[in-house]
Amino acid sequence: MTRFDAADPTERRKLYVDAIQAHRKRGSGFLTLEVDEASLSDLDDADEGDDAADGPASPDPDLGVPWLQFGDGTINLDCTDDELETLKTLLGEFPAFKIDAIHRPEEAEGVNVRVSAKADPNRIAQCLDAIFQRVYGLPEDVRVWIVEL
């Protein structure tokens, strides 16, 4: 792989496909996608002027920068209870994806969710992008980095 970030929706999905293929070729344990922190600070600045949010709320700052991991046919993510409900609704549009496990660690905020993703890299990429945008309420032009491959 020669590129490790993208902000355009089409380019992000291509990046995810390339990363999934590279991950599988290398036989690594997982790949990690992380939202660019600057994207979140831009979002926080924009939210300050909004009295009423029409879309999903911004990511919970207590959980840190949103990230997704993929490995061995599983998507792993942390989210709030509200984000979990949005995830459940979203997965209704991706019938090949099912929640396998929900963990509520006592020492951490939020929940950890494992989703089986038995699909081709293009469909997985579509789901990953939808999770970032709809579950975490991120804008269409959010920059995402491949931080581990």
N, C-alpha and C. Protein backbone atom coordinates (compact mmCIF):
# COMPACT_ATOMS: atom_id res chain seq x y z
N MET A 1 0.84 -1.18 0.00
CA MET A 1 0.00 0.00 0.00
C MET A 1 0.88 1.23 0.00
N THR A 2 0.43 2.25 -0.71
CA THR A 2 1.21 3.48 -0.79
C THR A 2 0.50 4.66 -0.16
N ARG A 3 -0.78 4.52 0.13
CA ARG A 3 -1.51 5.61 0.78
C ARG A 3 -2.16 5.08 2.04
N PHE A 4 -2.26 5.94 3.04
CA PHE A 4 -2.76 5.46 4.32
C PHE A 4 -3.87 6.33 4.89
N ASP A 5 -4.38 7.29 4.10
CA ASP A 5 -5.50 8.10 4.57
C ASP A 5 -6.32 8.56 3.39
N ALA A 6 -7.56 8.93 3.66
CA ALA A 6 -8.46 9.46 2.64
C ALA A 6 -9.59 10.21 3.33
N ALA A 7 -10.10 11.24 2.65
CA ALA A 7 -11.19 12.04 3.21
C ALA A 7 -12.43 12.01 2.31
N ASP A 8 -12.27 11.76 1.03
CA ASP A 8 -13.39 11.67 0.10
C ASP A 8 -14.07 10.30 0.28
N PRO A 9 -15.41 10.25 0.31
CA PRO A 9 -16.09 8.97 0.56
C PRO A 9 -15.67 7.84 -0.39
N THR A 10 -15.58 8.11 -1.66
CA THR A 10 -15.18 7.08 -2.63
C THR A 10 -13.74 6.64 -2.38
N GLU A 11 -12.86 7.59 -2.13
CA GLU A 11 -11.46 7.26 -1.88
C GLU A 11 -11.29 6.52 -0.54
N ARG A 12 -12.12 6.87 0.45
CA ARG A 12 -12.05 6.16 1.74
C ARG A 12 -12.41 4.69 1.54
N ARG A 13 -13.50 4.44 0.80
CA ARG A 13 -13.90 3.05 0.59
C ARG A 13 -12.84 2.28 -0.20
N LYS A 14 -12.20 2.92 -1.17
CA LYS A 14 -11.09 2.28 -1.90
C LYS A 14 -9.94 1.99 -0.95
N LEU A 15 -9.66 2.93 -0.06
CA LEU A 15 -8.60 2.74 0.93
C LEU A 15 -8.91 1.54 1.82
N TYR A 16 -10.15 1.42 2.27
CA TYR A 16 -10.54 0.29 3.11
C TYR A 16 -10.36 -1.03 2.37
N VAL A 17 -10.79 -1.08 1.11
CA VAL A 17 -10.63 -2.31 0.31
C VAL A 17 -9.16 -2.66 0.19
N ASP A 18 -8.33 -1.68 -0.15
CA ASP A 18 -6.89 -1.94 -0.27
C ASP A 18 -6.29 -2.42 1.05
N ALA A 19 -6.73 -1.82 2.14
CA ALA A 19 -6.21 -2.20 3.46
C ALA A 19 -6.65 -3.62 3.83
N ILE A 20 -7.89 -3.96 3.54
CA ILE A 20 -8.38 -5.32 3.82
C ILE A 20 -7.59 -6.34 3.02
N GLN A 21 -7.36 -6.04 1.75
CA GLN A 21 -6.60 -6.97 0.91
C GLN A 21 -5.16 -7.08 1.39
N ALA A 22 -4.53 -5.97 1.77
CA ALA A 22 -3.16 -6.01 2.28
C ALA A 22 -3.11 -6.76 3.61
N HIS A 23 -4.08 -6.54 4.45
CA HIS A 23 -4.16 -7.23 5.75
C HIS A 23 -4.23 -8.74 5.52
N ARG A 24 -5.08 -9.15 4.61
CA ARG A 24 -5.24 -10.58 4.33
C ARG A 24 -3.97 -11.17 3.71
N LYS A 25 -3.36 -10.41 2.80
CA LYS A 25 -2.14 -10.90 2.14
C LYS A 25 -1.00 -11.06 3.15
N ARG A 26 -0.89 -10.12 4.08
CA ARG A 26 0.17 -10.16 5.09
C ARG A 26 -0.12 -11.18 6.19
N GLY A 27 -1.39 -11.54 6.33
CA GLY A 27 -1.75 -12.46 7.40
C GLY A 27 -1.65 -11.83 8.77
N SER A 28 -1.79 -10.51 8.85
CA SER A 28 -1.70 -9.82 10.14
C SER A 28 -2.95 -10.11 10.97
N GLY A 29 -2.83 -9.89 12.27
CA GLY A 29 -3.95 -10.16 13.17
C GLY A 29 -5.17 -9.29 12.91
N PHE A 30 -4.94 -8.03 12.62
CA PHE A 30 -6.04 -7.10 12.35
C PHE A 30 -5.50 -5.84 11.71
N LEU A 31 -6.41 -5.04 11.17
CA LEU A 31 -6.05 -3.70 10.71
C LEU A 31 -6.88 -2.72 11.51
N THR A 32 -6.33 -1.54 11.74
CA THR A 32 -7.01 -0.52 12.52
C THR A 32 -7.19 0.74 11.70
N LEU A 33 -8.41 1.25 11.69
CA LEU A 33 -8.77 2.51 11.04
C LEU A 33 -9.09 3.51 12.14
N GLU A 34 -8.59 4.73 11.98
CA GLU A 34 -8.81 5.74 13.02
C GLU A 34 -9.15 7.08 12.37
N VAL A 35 -10.11 7.77 12.95
CA VAL A 35 -10.50 9.09 12.47
C VAL A 35 -9.40 10.09 12.81
N ASP A 36 -9.10 10.97 11.87
CA ASP A 36 -8.12 12.02 12.09
C ASP A 36 -8.62 12.96 13.19
N GLU A 37 -7.79 13.19 14.19
CA GLU A 37 -8.19 14.05 15.32
C GLU A 37 -8.56 15.46 14.87
N ALA A 38 -7.90 15.98 13.84
CA ALA A 38 -8.22 17.32 13.34
C ALA A 38 -9.66 17.36 12.81
N SER A 39 -10.12 16.25 12.24
CA SER A 39 -11.51 16.18 11.77
C SER A 39 -12.48 16.36 12.92
N LEU A 40 -12.13 15.82 14.08
CA LEU A 40 -13.01 15.93 15.25
C LEU A 40 -13.00 17.34 15.81
N SER A 41 -11.84 18.00 15.84
CA SER A 41 -11.81 19.36 16.36
C SER A 41 -12.57 20.30 15.43
N ASP A 42 -12.50 20.06 14.12
CA ASP A 42 -13.31 20.84 13.18
C ASP A 42 -14.79 20.61 13.44
N LEU A 43 -15.16 19.38 13.74
CA LEU A 43 -16.55 19.03 14.03
C LEU A 43 -17.01 19.69 15.32
N ASP A 44 -16.16 19.68 16.35
CA ASP A 44 -16.49 20.33 17.62
C ASP A 44 -16.74 21.82 17.42
N ASP A 45 -15.90 22.47 16.61
CA ASP A 45 -16.07 23.90 16.33
C ASP A 45 -17.40 24.16 15.65
N ALA A 46 -17.77 23.32 14.71
CA ALA A 46 -19.03 23.48 13.98
C ALA A 46 -20.22 23.23 14.90
N ASP A 47 -20.12 22.25 15.81
CA ASP A 47 -21.21 21.91 16.72
C ASP A 47 -21.49 23.02 17.72
N GLU A 48 -20.48 23.82 18.07
CA GLU A 48 -20.67 24.88 19.05
C GLU A 48 -21.71 25.88 18.60
N GLY A 49 -21.86 26.08 17.31
CA GLY A 49 -22.84 27.03 16.80
C GLY A 49 -24.22 26.44 16.66
N ASP A 50 -24.39 25.14 16.79
CA ASP A 50 -25.68 24.48 16.63
C ASP A 50 -26.39 24.37 17.97
N ASP A 51 -27.64 24.88 18.02
CA ASP A 51 -28.43 24.72 19.22
C ASP A 51 -29.17 23.38 19.21
N ALA A 52 -29.58 22.96 18.03
CA ALA A 52 -30.29 21.68 17.90
C ALA A 52 -29.64 20.87 16.81
N ALA A 53 -29.27 19.68 17.14
CA ALA A 53 -28.62 18.82 16.15
C ALA A 53 -29.69 18.02 15.42
N ASP A 54 -29.63 18.06 14.08
CA ASP A 54 -30.59 17.32 13.28
C ASP A 54 -30.15 15.88 13.07
N GLY A 55 -28.85 15.65 12.99
CA GLY A 55 -28.33 14.31 12.73
C GLY A 55 -27.81 13.69 14.01
N PRO A 56 -27.09 12.59 13.89
CA PRO A 56 -26.53 11.95 15.06
C PRO A 56 -25.53 12.86 15.75
N ALA A 57 -25.39 12.68 17.04
CA ALA A 57 -24.46 13.50 17.81
C ALA A 57 -23.02 13.17 17.43
N SER A 58 -22.13 14.08 17.75
CA SER A 58 -20.71 13.85 17.54
C SER A 58 -20.25 12.72 18.45
N PRO A 59 -19.11 12.11 18.13
CA PRO A 59 -18.60 11.05 18.99
C PRO A 59 -18.39 11.53 20.42
N ASP A 60 -18.59 10.65 21.37
CA ASP A 60 -18.40 10.96 22.78
C ASP A 60 -16.91 11.18 23.04
N PRO A 61 -16.50 12.39 23.47
CA PRO A 61 -15.08 12.66 23.70
C PRO A 61 -14.47 11.79 24.79
N ASP A 62 -15.29 11.27 25.71
CA ASP A 62 -14.77 10.39 26.76
C ASP A 62 -14.25 9.07 26.21
N LEU A 63 -14.72 8.68 25.01
CA LEU A 63 -14.28 7.43 24.39
C LEU A 63 -13.06 7.63 23.50
N GLY A 64 -12.63 8.87 23.32
CA GLY A 64 -11.46 9.13 22.48
C GLY A 64 -11.82 9.17 21.01
N VAL A 65 -10.81 9.10 20.17
CA VAL A 65 -10.97 9.17 18.72
C VAL A 65 -11.65 7.88 18.23
N PRO A 66 -12.71 8.00 17.42
CA PRO A 66 -13.35 6.79 16.89
C PRO A 66 -12.38 5.95 16.06
N TRP A 67 -12.46 4.65 16.25
CA TRP A 67 -11.62 3.71 15.53
C TRP A 67 -12.43 2.45 15.24
N LEU A 68 -12.01 1.73 14.22
CA LEU A 68 -12.57 0.43 13.90
C LEU A 68 -11.42 -0.51 13.64
N GLN A 69 -11.59 -1.75 14.06
CA GLN A 69 -10.60 -2.77 13.73
C GLN A 69 -11.29 -3.85 12.90
N PHE A 70 -10.53 -4.43 11.99
CA PHE A 70 -11.04 -5.55 11.20
C PHE A 70 -10.01 -6.65 11.22
N GLY A 71 -10.46 -7.85 11.46
CA GLY A 71 -9.57 -9.00 11.42
C GLY A 71 -10.36 -10.29 11.51
N ASP A 72 -9.96 -11.27 10.75
CA ASP A 72 -10.57 -12.60 10.79
C ASP A 72 -12.08 -12.53 10.62
N GLY A 73 -12.54 -11.68 9.71
CA GLY A 73 -13.97 -11.57 9.43
C GLY A 73 -14.78 -10.89 10.50
N THR A 74 -14.13 -10.10 11.35
CA THR A 74 -14.82 -9.42 12.45
C THR A 74 -14.45 -7.95 12.49
N ILE A 75 -15.47 -7.10 12.67
CA ILE A 75 -15.27 -5.67 12.92
C ILE A 75 -15.39 -5.48 14.43
N ASN A 76 -14.45 -4.75 15.00
CA ASN A 76 -14.43 -4.47 16.43
C ASN A 76 -14.50 -2.96 16.61
N LEU A 77 -15.36 -2.49 17.55
CA LEU A 77 -15.48 -1.05 17.79
C LEU A 77 -15.95 -0.80 19.21
N ASP A 78 -15.68 0.41 19.70
CA ASP A 78 -16.21 0.89 20.97
C ASP A 78 -17.26 1.94 20.66
N CYS A 79 -18.31 1.98 21.46
CA CYS A 79 -19.35 2.98 21.25
C CYS A 79 -20.15 3.20 22.53
N THR A 80 -20.99 4.20 22.52
CA THR A 80 -21.90 4.47 23.63
C THR A 80 -23.16 3.61 23.43
N ASP A 81 -24.03 3.61 24.40
CA ASP A 81 -25.29 2.87 24.27
C ASP A 81 -26.14 3.44 23.13
N ASP A 82 -26.17 4.77 22.99
CA ASP A 82 -26.92 5.39 21.88
C ASP A 82 -26.32 5.00 20.53
N GLU A 83 -25.00 5.03 20.45
CA GLU A 83 -24.34 4.63 19.20
C GLU A 83 -24.59 3.15 18.90
N LEU A 84 -24.68 2.33 19.93
CA LEU A 84 -24.98 0.91 19.74
C LEU A 84 -26.35 0.74 19.11
N GLU A 85 -27.32 1.50 19.55
CA GLU A 85 -28.66 1.42 18.94
C GLU A 85 -28.62 1.82 17.47
N THR A 86 -27.85 2.86 17.16
CA THR A 86 -27.69 3.27 15.76
C THR A 86 -27.01 2.16 14.96
N LEU A 87 -25.99 1.53 15.55
CA LEU A 87 -25.29 0.42 14.89
C LEU A 87 -26.26 -0.71 14.58
N LYS A 88 -27.10 -1.07 15.54
CA LYS A 88 -28.07 -2.15 15.32
C LYS A 88 -28.99 -1.83 14.15
N THR A 89 -29.45 -0.58 14.07
CA THR A 89 -30.30 -0.16 12.96
C THR A 89 -29.54 -0.23 11.65
N LEU A 90 -28.32 0.28 11.64
CA LEU A 90 -27.48 0.27 10.44
C LEU A 90 -27.26 -1.14 9.92
N LEU A 91 -26.98 -2.07 10.81
CA LEU A 91 -26.70 -3.44 10.40
C LEU A 91 -27.91 -4.11 9.75
N GLY A 92 -29.09 -3.55 9.95
CA GLY A 92 -30.28 -4.03 9.24
C GLY A 92 -30.16 -3.85 7.74
N GLU A 93 -29.33 -2.91 7.32
CA GLU A 93 -29.09 -2.66 5.89
C GLU A 93 -27.97 -3.55 5.34
N PHE A 94 -27.27 -4.25 6.23
CA PHE A 94 -26.17 -5.13 5.85
C PHE A 94 -26.46 -6.52 6.42
N PRO A 95 -27.33 -7.29 5.76
CA PRO A 95 -27.77 -8.57 6.34
C PRO A 95 -26.66 -9.59 6.58
N ALA A 96 -25.53 -9.47 5.89
CA ALA A 96 -24.42 -10.41 6.10
C ALA A 96 -23.61 -10.07 7.35
N PHE A 97 -23.94 -8.97 8.02
CA PHE A 97 -23.22 -8.51 9.20
C PHE A 97 -24.11 -8.70 10.43
N LYS A 98 -23.56 -9.34 11.45
CA LYS A 98 -24.32 -9.61 12.67
C LYS A 98 -23.46 -9.32 13.90
N ILE A 99 -24.10 -8.79 14.94
CA ILE A 99 -23.39 -8.57 16.19
C ILE A 99 -23.14 -9.92 16.84
N ASP A 100 -21.87 -10.22 17.09
CA ASP A 100 -21.48 -11.48 17.74
C ASP A 100 -21.39 -11.33 19.25
N ALA A 101 -20.88 -10.19 19.71
CA ALA A 101 -20.66 -10.02 21.14
C ALA A 101 -20.71 -8.54 21.51
N ILE A 102 -21.23 -8.29 22.70
CA ILE A 102 -21.23 -6.95 23.28
C ILE A 102 -20.61 -7.08 24.67
N HIS A 103 -19.54 -6.34 24.90
CA HIS A 103 -18.86 -6.36 26.21
C HIS A 103 -19.00 -4.99 26.86
N ARG A 104 -19.32 -4.99 28.13
CA ARG A 104 -19.44 -3.75 28.90
C ARG A 104 -18.39 -3.78 30.02
N PRO A 105 -17.15 -3.39 29.68
CA PRO A 105 -16.10 -3.42 30.71
C PRO A 105 -16.42 -2.45 31.85
N GLU A 106 -16.20 -2.92 33.07
CA GLU A 106 -16.47 -2.09 34.25
C GLU A 106 -15.54 -0.89 34.33
N GLU A 107 -14.30 -1.06 33.87
CA GLU A 107 -13.30 -0.01 34.01
C GLU A 107 -13.30 1.00 32.86
N ALA A 108 -14.24 0.87 31.92
CA ALA A 108 -14.23 1.77 30.75
C ALA A 108 -15.63 2.31 30.48
N GLU A 109 -15.65 3.46 29.85
CA GLU A 109 -16.91 4.05 29.39
C GLU A 109 -17.35 3.32 28.13
N GLY A 110 -18.64 3.21 27.92
CA GLY A 110 -19.15 2.65 26.67
C GLY A 110 -19.12 1.13 26.62
N VAL A 111 -19.33 0.62 25.41
CA VAL A 111 -19.37 -0.82 25.17
C VAL A 111 -18.43 -1.17 24.02
N ASN A 112 -17.95 -2.41 24.05
CA ASN A 112 -17.14 -2.93 22.95
C ASN A 112 -18.02 -3.91 22.20
N VAL A 113 -18.06 -3.76 20.87
CA VAL A 113 -18.93 -4.57 20.04
C VAL A 113 -18.10 -5.30 18.99
N ARG A 114 -18.41 -6.56 18.79
CA ARG A 114 -17.80 -7.37 17.73
C ARG A 114 -18.89 -7.77 16.76
N VAL A 115 -18.65 -7.44 15.49
CA VAL A 115 -19.62 -7.69 14.42
C VAL A 115 -19.00 -8.65 13.42
N SER A 116 -19.67 -9.77 13.15
CA SER A 116 -19.16 -10.67 12.11
C SER A 116 -19.40 -10.01 10.76
N ALA A 117 -18.37 -10.05 9.94
CA ALA A 117 -18.40 -9.37 8.63
C ALA A 117 -17.97 -10.36 7.56
N LYS A 118 -18.83 -11.32 7.30
CA LYS A 118 -18.53 -12.35 6.30
C LYS A 118 -19.02 -11.86 4.95
N ALA A 119 -18.20 -11.03 4.31
CA ALA A 119 -18.58 -10.43 3.03
C ALA A 119 -17.30 -10.11 2.26
N ASP A 120 -17.48 -9.69 1.02
CA ASP A 120 -16.32 -9.30 0.21
C ASP A 120 -15.79 -7.95 0.67
N PRO A 121 -14.53 -7.62 0.34
CA PRO A 121 -13.93 -6.37 0.81
C PRO A 121 -14.73 -5.11 0.44
N ASN A 122 -15.39 -5.09 -0.71
CA ASN A 122 -16.17 -3.91 -1.09
C ASN A 122 -17.35 -3.70 -0.14
N ARG A 123 -18.04 -4.77 0.20
CA ARG A 123 -19.19 -4.65 1.10
C ARG A 123 -18.72 -4.30 2.52
N ILE A 124 -17.61 -4.88 2.94
CA ILE A 124 -17.06 -4.53 4.25
C ILE A 124 -16.70 -3.05 4.28
N ALA A 125 -16.08 -2.55 3.20
CA ALA A 125 -15.71 -1.13 3.12
C ALA A 125 -16.94 -0.24 3.21
N GLN A 126 -18.02 -0.62 2.55
CA GLN A 126 -19.26 0.17 2.63
C GLN A 126 -19.77 0.22 4.07
N CYS A 127 -19.72 -0.92 4.75
CA CYS A 127 -20.19 -0.96 6.13
C CYS A 127 -19.29 -0.14 7.05
N LEU A 128 -17.98 -0.26 6.89
CA LEU A 128 -17.05 0.52 7.71
C LEU A 128 -17.32 2.01 7.57
N ASP A 129 -17.49 2.46 6.32
CA ASP A 129 -17.73 3.89 6.09
C ASP A 129 -19.06 4.32 6.69
N ALA A 130 -20.08 3.48 6.56
CA ALA A 130 -21.38 3.80 7.15
C ALA A 130 -21.30 3.89 8.67
N ILE A 131 -20.51 3.02 9.28
CA ILE A 131 -20.35 3.07 10.74
C ILE A 131 -19.72 4.40 11.15
N PHE A 132 -18.64 4.78 10.47
CA PHE A 132 -18.00 6.05 10.82
C PHE A 132 -18.98 7.22 10.67
N GLN A 133 -19.72 7.25 9.57
CA GLN A 133 -20.58 8.40 9.32
C GLN A 133 -21.85 8.39 10.15
N ARG A 134 -22.52 7.26 10.22
CA ARG A 134 -23.84 7.24 10.85
C ARG A 134 -23.81 6.88 12.33
N VAL A 135 -22.99 5.93 12.72
CA VAL A 135 -22.94 5.56 14.13
C VAL A 135 -22.25 6.66 14.94
N TYR A 136 -21.14 7.17 14.41
CA TYR A 136 -20.39 8.20 15.13
C TYR A 136 -20.79 9.62 14.74
N GLY A 137 -21.69 9.76 13.76
CA GLY A 137 -22.17 11.08 13.37
C GLY A 137 -21.12 11.95 12.73
N LEU A 138 -20.21 11.34 11.97
CA LEU A 138 -19.12 12.10 11.35
C LEU A 138 -19.53 12.60 9.97
N PRO A 139 -18.95 13.72 9.53
CA PRO A 139 -19.32 14.28 8.24
C PRO A 139 -18.81 13.44 7.07
N GLU A 140 -19.37 13.68 5.92
CA GLU A 140 -19.02 12.93 4.71
C GLU A 140 -17.55 13.07 4.35
N ASP A 141 -16.94 14.20 4.70
CA ASP A 141 -15.55 14.44 4.31
C ASP A 141 -14.55 14.15 5.44
N VAL A 142 -14.93 13.32 6.39
CA VAL A 142 -14.03 12.99 7.49
C VAL A 142 -12.80 12.25 6.96
N ARG A 143 -11.65 12.57 7.50
CA ARG A 143 -10.40 11.90 7.12
C ARG A 143 -10.18 10.70 8.04
N VAL A 144 -9.91 9.56 7.42
CA VAL A 144 -9.65 8.33 8.16
C VAL A 144 -8.26 7.82 7.78
N TRP A 145 -7.53 7.34 8.80
CA TRP A 145 -6.18 6.84 8.62
C TRP A 145 -6.15 5.33 8.85
N ILE A 146 -5.32 4.64 8.11
CA ILE A 146 -4.96 3.26 8.42
C ILE A 146 -3.77 3.39 9.38
N VAL A 147 -3.98 3.04 10.64
CA VAL A 147 -2.91 3.24 11.63
C VAL A 147 -2.20 1.94 11.98
N GLU A 148 -2.78 0.81 11.63
CA GLU A 148 -2.10 -0.47 11.83
C GLU A 148 -2.60 -1.43 10.76
N LEU A 149 -1.65 -2.16 10.16
CA LEU A 149 -2.01 -3.04 9.05
C LEU A 149 -1.38 -4.40 9.25
